[in-house]
Amino acid sequence: STQQPYIDIRHVSKRFGSTQALNDVSLAVHPGE
């Protein structure tokens, strides 16, 4: 609860040609998680 995430993914998108591999992905991973 009091920790900042070590990995902080904010609204990430990724395409390979016409394929939408990632679509507005957000995710937080905290230390030790």
PDB file of all heavy atoms in Angstrom:
ATOM      1  N   SER A   1       0.802  -1.216   0.000  1.00  0.00           N
ATOM      2  CA  SER A   1       0.000   0.000   0.000  1.00  0.00           C
ATOM      3  C   SER A   1       0.835   1.266   0.000  1.00  0.00           C
ATOM      4  O   SER A   1       0.419   2.287  -0.546  1.00  0.00           O
ATOM      5  CB  SER A   1      -0.948  -0.011   1.209  1.00  0.00           C
ATOM      6  OG  SER A   1      -0.208  -0.107   2.409  1.00  0.00           O
ATOM      7  N   THR A   2       2.008   1.239   0.650  1.00  0.00           N
ATOM      8  CA  THR A   2       2.811   2.454   0.756  1.00  0.00           C
ATOM      9  C   THR A   2       3.975   2.477  -0.214  1.00  0.00           C
ATOM     10  O   THR A   2       4.780   3.394  -0.180  1.00  0.00           O
ATOM     11  CB  THR A   2       3.345   2.606   2.187  1.00  0.00           C
ATOM     12  OG1 THR A   2       4.184   1.473   2.498  1.00  0.00           O
ATOM     13  CG2 THR A   2       2.212   2.684   3.193  1.00  0.00           C
ATOM     14  N   GLN A   3       4.076   1.469  -1.074  1.00  0.00           N
ATOM     15  CA  GLN A   3       5.207   1.366  -1.977  1.00  0.00           C
ATOM     16  C   GLN A   3       4.871   1.914  -3.358  1.00  0.00           C
ATOM     17  O   GLN A   3       3.747   1.784  -3.843  1.00  0.00           O
ATOM     18  CB  GLN A   3       5.650  -0.098  -2.129  1.00  0.00           C
ATOM     19  CG  GLN A   3       6.243  -0.704  -0.859  1.00  0.00           C
ATOM     20  CD  GLN A   3       6.633  -2.148  -1.088  1.00  0.00           C
ATOM     21  OE1 GLN A   3       5.910  -2.914  -1.706  1.00  0.00           O
ATOM     22  NE2 GLN A   3       7.809  -2.508  -0.602  1.00  0.00           N
ATOM     23  N   GLN A   4       5.875   2.503  -3.977  1.00  0.00           N
ATOM     24  CA  GLN A   4       5.761   2.846  -5.385  1.00  0.00           C
ATOM     25  C   GLN A   4       6.019   1.595  -6.212  1.00  0.00           C
ATOM     26  O   GLN A   4       6.853   0.767  -5.843  1.00  0.00           O
ATOM     27  CB  GLN A   4       6.794   3.930  -5.757  1.00  0.00           C
ATOM     28  CG  GLN A   4       6.537   5.274  -5.116  1.00  0.00           C
ATOM     29  CD  GLN A   4       5.266   5.914  -5.646  1.00  0.00           C
ATOM     30  OE1 GLN A   4       4.973   5.857  -6.832  1.00  0.00           O
ATOM     31  NE2 GLN A   4       4.506   6.523  -4.743  1.00  0.00           N
ATOM     32  N   PRO A   5       5.308   1.409  -7.326  1.00  0.00           N
ATOM     33  CA  PRO A   5       5.584   0.233  -8.154  1.00  0.00           C
ATOM     34  C   PRO A   5       6.985   0.287  -8.737  1.00  0.00           C
ATOM     35  O   PRO A   5       7.486   1.373  -9.063  1.00  0.00           O
ATOM     36  CB  PRO A   5       4.519   0.312  -9.257  1.00  0.00           C
ATOM     37  CG  PRO A   5       4.081   1.737  -9.274  1.00  0.00           C
ATOM     38  CD  PRO A   5       4.232   2.248  -7.888  1.00  0.00           C
ATOM     39  N   TYR A   6       7.612  -0.879  -8.848  1.00  0.00           N
ATOM     40  CA  TYR A   6       8.905  -0.906  -9.546  1.00  0.00           C
ATOM     41  C   TYR A   6       8.688  -0.918 -11.058  1.00  0.00           C
ATOM     42  O   TYR A   6       9.366  -0.238 -11.805  1.00  0.00           O
ATOM     43  CB  TYR A   6       9.745  -2.121  -9.131  1.00  0.00           C
ATOM     44  CG  TYR A   6      11.049  -2.128  -9.897  1.00  0.00           C
ATOM     45  CD1 TYR A   6      12.031  -1.187  -9.619  1.00  0.00           C
ATOM     46  CD2 TYR A   6      11.265  -3.011 -10.953  1.00  0.00           C
ATOM     47  CE1 TYR A   6      13.198  -1.142 -10.356  1.00  0.00           C
ATOM     48  CE2 TYR A   6      12.434  -2.970 -11.690  1.00  0.00           C
ATOM     49  CZ  TYR A   6      13.399  -2.031 -11.385  1.00  0.00           C
ATOM     50  OH  TYR A   6      14.552  -1.964 -12.130  1.00  0.00           O
ATOM     51  N   ILE A   7       7.705  -1.709 -11.514  1.00  0.00           N
ATOM     52  CA  ILE A   7       7.322  -1.715 -12.927  1.00  0.00           C
ATOM     53  C   ILE A   7       5.978  -1.019 -13.034  1.00  0.00           C
ATOM     54  O   ILE A   7       5.007  -1.432 -12.405  1.00  0.00           O
ATOM     55  CB  ILE A   7       7.230  -3.147 -13.483  1.00  0.00           C
ATOM     56  CG1 ILE A   7       8.571  -3.874 -13.365  1.00  0.00           C
ATOM     57  CG2 ILE A   7       6.752  -3.137 -14.945  1.00  0.00           C
ATOM     58  CD1 ILE A   7       8.494  -5.355 -13.704  1.00  0.00           C
ATOM     59  N   ASP A   8       5.919   0.051 -13.805  1.00  0.00           N
ATOM     60  CA  ASP A   8       4.698   0.844 -13.936  1.00  0.00           C
ATOM     61  C   ASP A   8       4.399   1.020 -15.425  1.00  0.00           C
ATOM     62  O   ASP A   8       5.071   1.786 -16.124  1.00  0.00           O
ATOM     63  CB  ASP A   8       4.890   2.203 -13.257  1.00  0.00           C
ATOM     64  CG  ASP A   8       3.579   2.957 -13.096  1.00  0.00           C
ATOM     65  OD1 ASP A   8       2.531   2.426 -13.513  1.00  0.00           O
ATOM     66  OD2 ASP A   8       3.608   4.087 -12.562  1.00  0.00           O
ATOM     67  N   ILE A   9       3.404   0.283 -15.909  1.00  0.00           N
ATOM     68  CA  ILE A   9       3.031   0.290 -17.329  1.00  0.00           C
ATOM     69  C   ILE A   9       1.806   1.167 -17.485  1.00  0.00           C
ATOM     70  O   ILE A   9       0.778   0.920 -16.845  1.00  0.00           O
ATOM     71  CB  ILE A   9       2.747  -1.148 -17.806  1.00  0.00           C
ATOM     72  CG1 ILE A   9       3.978  -2.032 -17.590  1.00  0.00           C
ATOM     73  CG2 ILE A   9       2.305  -1.172 -19.264  1.00  0.00           C
ATOM     74  CD1 ILE A   9       3.690  -3.515 -17.691  1.00  0.00           C
ATOM     75  N   ARG A  10       1.896   2.186 -18.331  1.00  0.00           N
ATOM     76  CA  ARG A  10       0.823   3.163 -18.447  1.00  0.00           C
ATOM     77  C   ARG A  10       0.324   3.269 -19.886  1.00  0.00           C
ATOM     78  O   ARG A  10       1.040   3.742 -20.773  1.00  0.00           O
ATOM     79  CB  ARG A  10       1.307   4.542 -17.977  1.00  0.00           C
ATOM     80  CG  ARG A  10       1.871   4.546 -16.564  1.00  0.00           C
ATOM     81  CD  ARG A  10       2.345   5.936 -16.167  1.00  0.00           C
ATOM     82  NE  ARG A  10       2.989   5.947 -14.855  1.00  0.00           N
ATOM     83  CZ  ARG A  10       3.512   7.034 -14.283  1.00  0.00           C
ATOM     84  NH1 ARG A  10       3.468   8.209 -14.923  1.00  0.00           N
ATOM     85  NH2 ARG A  10       4.094   6.953 -13.094  1.00  0.00           N
ATOM     86  N   HIS A  11      -0.854   2.746 -20.134  1.00  0.00           N
ATOM     87  CA  HIS A  11      -1.566   2.907 -21.409  1.00  0.00           C
ATOM     88  C   HIS A  11      -0.686   2.512 -22.609  1.00  0.00           C
ATOM     89  O   HIS A  11      -0.565   3.250 -23.587  1.00  0.00           O
ATOM     90  CB  HIS A  11      -2.048   4.347 -21.559  1.00  0.00           C
ATOM     91  CG  HIS A  11      -2.912   4.804 -20.432  1.00  0.00           C
ATOM     92  ND1 HIS A  11      -4.185   4.326 -20.225  1.00  0.00           N
ATOM     93  CD2 HIS A  11      -2.659   5.679 -19.412  1.00  0.00           C
ATOM     94  CE1 HIS A  11      -4.705   4.893 -19.157  1.00  0.00           C
ATOM     95  NE2 HIS A  11      -3.810   5.710 -18.631  1.00  0.00           N
ATOM     96  N   VAL A  12      -0.103   1.339 -22.527  1.00  0.00           N
ATOM     97  CA  VAL A  12       0.821   0.872 -23.562  1.00  0.00           C
ATOM     98  C   VAL A  12       0.063   0.158 -24.679  1.00  0.00           C
ATOM     99  O   VAL A  12      -0.792  -0.691 -24.429  1.00  0.00           O
ATOM    100  CB  VAL A  12       1.888  -0.056 -22.949  1.00  0.00           C
ATOM    101  CG1 VAL A  12       2.617  -0.851 -24.037  1.00  0.00           C
ATOM    102  CG2 VAL A  12       2.890   0.764 -22.145  1.00  0.00           C
ATOM    103  N   SER A  13       0.399   0.511 -25.901  1.00  0.00           N
ATOM    104  CA  SER A  13      -0.143  -0.165 -27.086  1.00  0.00           C
ATOM    105  C   SER A  13       1.004  -0.570 -27.995  1.00  0.00           C
ATOM    106  O   SER A  13       2.050   0.088 -28.042  1.00  0.00           O
ATOM    107  CB  SER A  13      -1.117   0.744 -27.834  1.00  0.00           C
ATOM    108  OG  SER A  13      -2.276   1.002 -27.068  1.00  0.00           O
ATOM    109  N   LYS A  14       0.789  -1.665 -28.734  1.00  0.00           N
ATOM    110  CA  LYS A  14       1.796  -2.182 -29.646  1.00  0.00           C
ATOM    111  C   LYS A  14       1.112  -2.929 -30.776  1.00  0.00           C
ATOM    112  O   LYS A  14       0.233  -3.763 -30.550  1.00  0.00           O
ATOM    113  CB  LYS A  14       2.749  -3.140 -28.898  1.00  0.00           C
ATOM    114  CG  LYS A  14       3.699  -3.915 -29.773  1.00  0.00           C
ATOM    115  CD  LYS A  14       4.752  -3.026 -30.404  1.00  0.00           C
ATOM    116  CE  LYS A  14       5.720  -3.836 -31.274  1.00  0.00           C
ATOM    117  NZ  LYS A  14       6.723  -2.980 -31.933  1.00  0.00           N
ATOM    118  N   ARG A  15       1.517  -2.614 -31.997  1.00  0.00           N
ATOM    119  CA  ARG A  15       0.985  -3.290 -33.181  1.00  0.00           C
ATOM    120  C   ARG A  15       2.103  -4.014 -33.917  1.00  0.00           C
ATOM    121  O   ARG A  15       3.252  -3.571 -33.931  1.00  0.00           O
ATOM    122  CB  ARG A  15       0.338  -2.288 -34.151  1.00  0.00           C
ATOM    123  CG  ARG A  15      -0.865  -1.554 -33.609  1.00  0.00           C
ATOM    124  CD  ARG A  15      -1.484  -0.681 -34.699  1.00  0.00           C
ATOM    125  NE  ARG A  15      -2.124  -1.485 -35.722  1.00  0.00           N
ATOM    126  CZ  ARG A  15      -3.411  -1.858 -35.691  1.00  0.00           C
ATOM    127  NH1 ARG A  15      -4.183  -1.490 -34.684  1.00  0.00           N
ATOM    128  NH2 ARG A  15      -3.919  -2.578 -36.654  1.00  0.00           N
ATOM    129  N   PHE A  16       1.745  -5.128 -34.529  1.00  0.00           N
ATOM    130  CA  PHE A  16       2.591  -5.813 -35.498  1.00  0.00           C
ATOM    131  C   PHE A  16       1.816  -5.831 -36.805  1.00  0.00           C
ATOM    132  O   PHE A  16       0.925  -6.669 -36.991  1.00  0.00           O
ATOM    133  CB  PHE A  16       2.927  -7.232 -35.047  1.00  0.00           C
ATOM    134  CG  PHE A  16       3.781  -7.304 -33.807  1.00  0.00           C
ATOM    135  CD1 PHE A  16       3.221  -7.651 -32.591  1.00  0.00           C
ATOM    136  CD2 PHE A  16       5.131  -7.017 -33.861  1.00  0.00           C
ATOM    137  CE1 PHE A  16       3.988  -7.723 -31.443  1.00  0.00           C
ATOM    138  CE2 PHE A  16       5.926  -7.083 -32.721  1.00  0.00           C
ATOM    139  CZ  PHE A  16       5.347  -7.434 -31.515  1.00  0.00           C
ATOM    140  N   GLY A  17       2.099  -4.881 -37.698  1.00  0.00           N
ATOM    141  CA  GLY A  17       1.313  -4.765 -38.914  1.00  0.00           C
ATOM    142  C   GLY A  17      -0.129  -4.434 -38.589  1.00  0.00           C
ATOM    143  O   GLY A  17      -0.421  -3.458 -37.899  1.00  0.00           O
ATOM    144  N   SER A  18      -1.028  -5.291 -39.032  1.00  0.00           N
ATOM    145  CA  SER A  18      -2.454  -5.056 -38.786  1.00  0.00           C
ATOM    146  C   SER A  18      -2.937  -5.667 -37.471  1.00  0.00           C
ATOM    147  O   SER A  18      -4.102  -5.519 -37.103  1.00  0.00           O
ATOM    148  CB  SER A  18      -3.285  -5.640 -39.937  1.00  0.00           C
ATOM    149  OG  SER A  18      -3.071  -7.044 -40.036  1.00  0.00           O
ATOM    150  N   THR A  19      -2.036  -6.342 -36.746  1.00  0.00           N
ATOM    151  CA  THR A  19      -2.414  -7.016 -35.503  1.00  0.00           C
ATOM    152  C   THR A  19      -2.166  -6.111 -34.307  1.00  0.00           C
ATOM    153  O   THR A  19      -1.048  -5.615 -34.114  1.00  0.00           O
ATOM    154  CB  THR A  19      -1.610  -8.314 -35.318  1.00  0.00           C
ATOM    155  OG1 THR A  19      -1.866  -9.187 -36.424  1.00  0.00           O
ATOM    156  CG2 THR A  19      -2.001  -9.009 -34.031  1.00  0.00           C
ATOM    157  N   GLN A  20      -3.193  -5.879 -33.526  1.00  0.00           N
ATOM    158  CA  GLN A  20      -3.074  -5.085 -32.300  1.00  0.00           C
ATOM    159  C   GLN A  20      -2.653  -6.026 -31.178  1.00  0.00           C
ATOM    160  O   GLN A  20      -3.475  -6.697 -30.554  1.00  0.00           O
ATOM    161  CB  GLN A  20      -4.399  -4.408 -31.961  1.00  0.00           C
ATOM    162  CG  GLN A  20      -4.327  -3.450 -30.789  1.00  0.00           C
ATOM    163  CD  GLN A  20      -3.693  -2.116 -31.155  1.00  0.00           C
ATOM    164  OE1 GLN A  20      -4.066  -1.497 -32.147  1.00  0.00           O
ATOM    165  NE2 GLN A  20      -2.725  -1.689 -30.365  1.00  0.00           N
ATOM    166  N   ALA A  21      -1.338  -6.089 -30.920  1.00  0.00           N
ATOM    167  CA  ALA A  21      -0.818  -7.032 -29.922  1.00  0.00           C
ATOM    168  C   ALA A  21      -1.107  -6.576 -28.503  1.00  0.00           C
ATOM    169  O   ALA A  21      -1.401  -7.395 -27.627  1.00  0.00           O
ATOM    170  CB  ALA A  21       0.686  -7.220 -30.118  1.00  0.00           C
ATOM    171  N   LEU A  22      -1.003  -5.263 -28.244  1.00  0.00           N
ATOM    172  CA  LEU A  22      -1.329  -4.695 -26.941  1.00  0.00           C
ATOM    173  C   LEU A  22      -2.229  -3.492 -27.169  1.00  0.00           C
ATOM    174  O   LEU A  22      -1.969  -2.670 -28.052  1.00  0.00           O
ATOM    175  CB  LEU A  22      -0.068  -4.259 -26.188  1.00  0.00           C
ATOM    176  CG  LEU A  22       0.927  -5.353 -25.800  1.00  0.00           C
ATOM    177  CD1 LEU A  22       2.159  -4.744 -25.153  1.00  0.00           C
ATOM    178  CD2 LEU A  22       0.285  -6.387 -24.877  1.00  0.00           C
ATOM    179  N   ASN A  23      -3.261  -3.386 -26.358  1.00  0.00           N
ATOM    180  CA  ASN A  23      -4.257  -2.329 -26.552  1.00  0.00           C
ATOM    181  C   ASN A  23      -4.514  -1.606 -25.231  1.00  0.00           C
ATOM    182  O   ASN A  23      -5.270  -2.081 -24.392  1.00  0.00           O
ATOM    183  CB  ASN A  23      -5.554  -2.923 -27.103  1.00  0.00           C
ATOM    184  CG  ASN A  23      -6.579  -1.868 -27.438  1.00  0.00           C
ATOM    185  OD1 ASN A  23      -6.279  -0.678 -27.505  1.00  0.00           O
ATOM    186  ND2 ASN A  23      -7.818  -2.294 -27.657  1.00  0.00           N
ATOM    187  N   ASP A  24      -3.814  -0.483 -25.028  1.00  0.00           N
ATOM    188  CA  ASP A  24      -4.034   0.379 -23.866  1.00  0.00           C
ATOM    189  C   ASP A  24      -3.881  -0.400 -22.554  1.00  0.00           C
ATOM    190  O   ASP A  24      -4.760  -0.380 -21.683  1.00  0.00           O
ATOM    191  CB  ASP A  24      -5.424   1.015 -23.933  1.00  0.00           C
ATOM    192  CG  ASP A  24      -5.579   2.183 -22.960  1.00  0.00           C
ATOM    193  OD1 ASP A  24      -4.566   2.832 -22.646  1.00  0.00           O
ATOM    194  OD2 ASP A  24      -6.713   2.420 -22.502  1.00  0.00           O
ATOM    195  N   VAL A  25      -2.730  -1.051 -22.409  1.00  0.00           N
ATOM    196  CA  VAL A  25      -2.469  -1.877 -21.226  1.00  0.00           C
ATOM    197  C   VAL A  25      -1.833  -1.033 -20.129  1.00  0.00           C
ATOM    198  O   VAL A  25      -0.840  -0.328 -20.370  1.00  0.00           O
ATOM    199  CB  VAL A  25      -1.547  -3.053 -21.579  1.00  0.00           C
ATOM    200  CG1 VAL A  25      -1.091  -3.785 -20.313  1.00  0.00           C
ATOM    201  CG2 VAL A  25      -2.261  -4.017 -22.521  1.00  0.00           C
ATOM    202  N   SER A  26      -2.389  -1.097 -18.936  1.00  0.00           N
ATOM    203  CA  SER A  26      -1.803  -0.473 -17.748  1.00  0.00           C
ATOM    204  C   SER A  26      -1.676  -1.528 -16.665  1.00  0.00           C
ATOM    205  O   SER A  26      -2.583  -2.348 -16.456  1.00  0.00           O
ATOM    206  CB  SER A  26      -2.665   0.688 -17.254  1.00  0.00           C
ATOM    207  OG  SER A  26      -2.682   1.754 -18.185  1.00  0.00           O
ATOM    208  N   LEU A  27      -0.535  -1.511 -15.970  1.00  0.00           N
ATOM    209  CA  LEU A  27      -0.276  -2.518 -14.949  1.00  0.00           C
ATOM    210  C   LEU A  27       0.829  -2.015 -14.034  1.00  0.00           C
ATOM    211  O   LEU A  27       1.821  -1.463 -14.507  1.00  0.00           O
ATOM    212  CB  LEU A  27       0.150  -3.844 -15.599  1.00  0.00           C
ATOM    213  CG  LEU A  27       0.539  -4.989 -14.662  1.00  0.00           C
ATOM    214  CD1 LEU A  27      -0.656  -5.455 -13.849  1.00  0.00           C
ATOM    215  CD2 LEU A  27       1.125  -6.153 -15.471  1.00  0.00           C
ATOM    216  N   ALA A  28       0.667  -2.208 -12.732  1.00  0.00           N
ATOM    217  CA  ALA A  28       1.687  -1.843 -11.748  1.00  0.00           C
ATOM    218  C   ALA A  28       2.157  -3.097 -11.030  1.00  0.00           C
ATOM    219  O   ALA A  28       1.353  -3.922 -10.597  1.00  0.00           O
ATOM    220  CB  ALA A  28       1.134  -0.837 -10.754  1.00  0.00           C
ATOM    221  N   VAL A  29       3.490  -3.236 -10.921  1.00  0.00           N
ATOM    222  CA  VAL A  29       4.100  -4.360 -10.208  1.00  0.00           C
ATOM    223  C   VAL A  29       4.988  -3.773  -9.118  1.00  0.00           C
ATOM    224  O   VAL A  29       5.948  -3.058  -9.411  1.00  0.00           O
ATOM    225  CB  VAL A  29       4.930  -5.249 -11.152  1.00  0.00           C
ATOM    226  CG1 VAL A  29       5.515  -6.429 -10.388  1.00  0.00           C
ATOM    227  CG2 VAL A  29       4.087  -5.726 -12.330  1.00  0.00           C
ATOM    228  N   HIS A  30       4.661  -4.067  -7.877  1.00  0.00           N
ATOM    229  CA  HIS A  30       5.379  -3.486  -6.747  1.00  0.00           C
ATOM    230  C   HIS A  30       6.572  -4.344  -6.343  1.00  0.00           C
ATOM    231  O   HIS A  30       6.626  -5.543  -6.649  1.00  0.00           O
ATOM    232  CB  HIS A  30       4.428  -3.324  -5.561  1.00  0.00           C
ATOM    233  CG  HIS A  30       3.336  -2.335  -5.801  1.00  0.00           C
ATOM    234  ND1 HIS A  30       2.208  -2.642  -6.519  1.00  0.00           N
ATOM    235  CD2 HIS A  30       3.213  -1.041  -5.437  1.00  0.00           C
ATOM    236  CE1 HIS A  30       1.411  -1.581  -6.574  1.00  0.00           C
ATOM    237  NE2 HIS A  30       2.006  -0.598  -5.928  1.00  0.00           N
ATOM    238  N   PRO A  31       7.554  -3.756  -5.655  1.00  0.00           N
ATOM    239  CA  PRO A  31       8.706  -4.534  -5.194  1.00  0.00           C
ATOM    240  C   PRO A  31       8.277  -5.726  -4.343  1.00  0.00           C
ATOM    241  O   PRO A  31       7.449  -5.593  -3.441  1.00  0.00           O
ATOM    242  CB  PRO A  31       9.500  -3.514  -4.362  1.00  0.00           C
ATOM    243  CG  PRO A  31       9.133  -2.188  -4.941  1.00  0.00           C
ATOM    244  CD  PRO A  31       7.686  -2.313  -5.330  1.00  0.00           C
ATOM    245  N   GLY A  32       8.816  -6.889  -4.661  1.00  0.00           N
ATOM    246  CA  GLY A  32       8.487  -8.101  -3.935  1.00  0.00           C
ATOM    247  C   GLY A  32       7.221  -8.789  -4.382  1.00  0.00           C
ATOM    248  O   GLY A  32       6.878  -9.857  -3.876  1.00  0.00           O
ATOM    249  N   GLU A  33       6.520  -8.215  -5.344  1.00  0.00           N
ATOM    250  CA  GLU A  33       5.251  -8.776  -5.810  1.00  0.00           C
ATOM    251  C   GLU A  33       5.484  -9.783  -6.931  1.00  0.00           C
ATOM    252  O   GLU A  33       6.375  -9.613  -7.766  1.00  0.00           O
ATOM    253  CB  GLU A  33       4.346  -7.657  -6.312  1.00  0.00           C
ATOM    254  CG  GLU A  33       2.917  -8.094  -6.606  1.00  0.00           C
ATOM    255  CD  GLU A  33       2.024  -6.942  -7.012  1.00  0.00           C
ATOM    256  OE1 GLU A  33       2.532  -5.920  -7.510  1.00  0.00           O
ATOM    257  OE2 GLU A  33       0.806  -7.061  -6.815  1.00  0.00           O
TER     258      GLU A  33
END
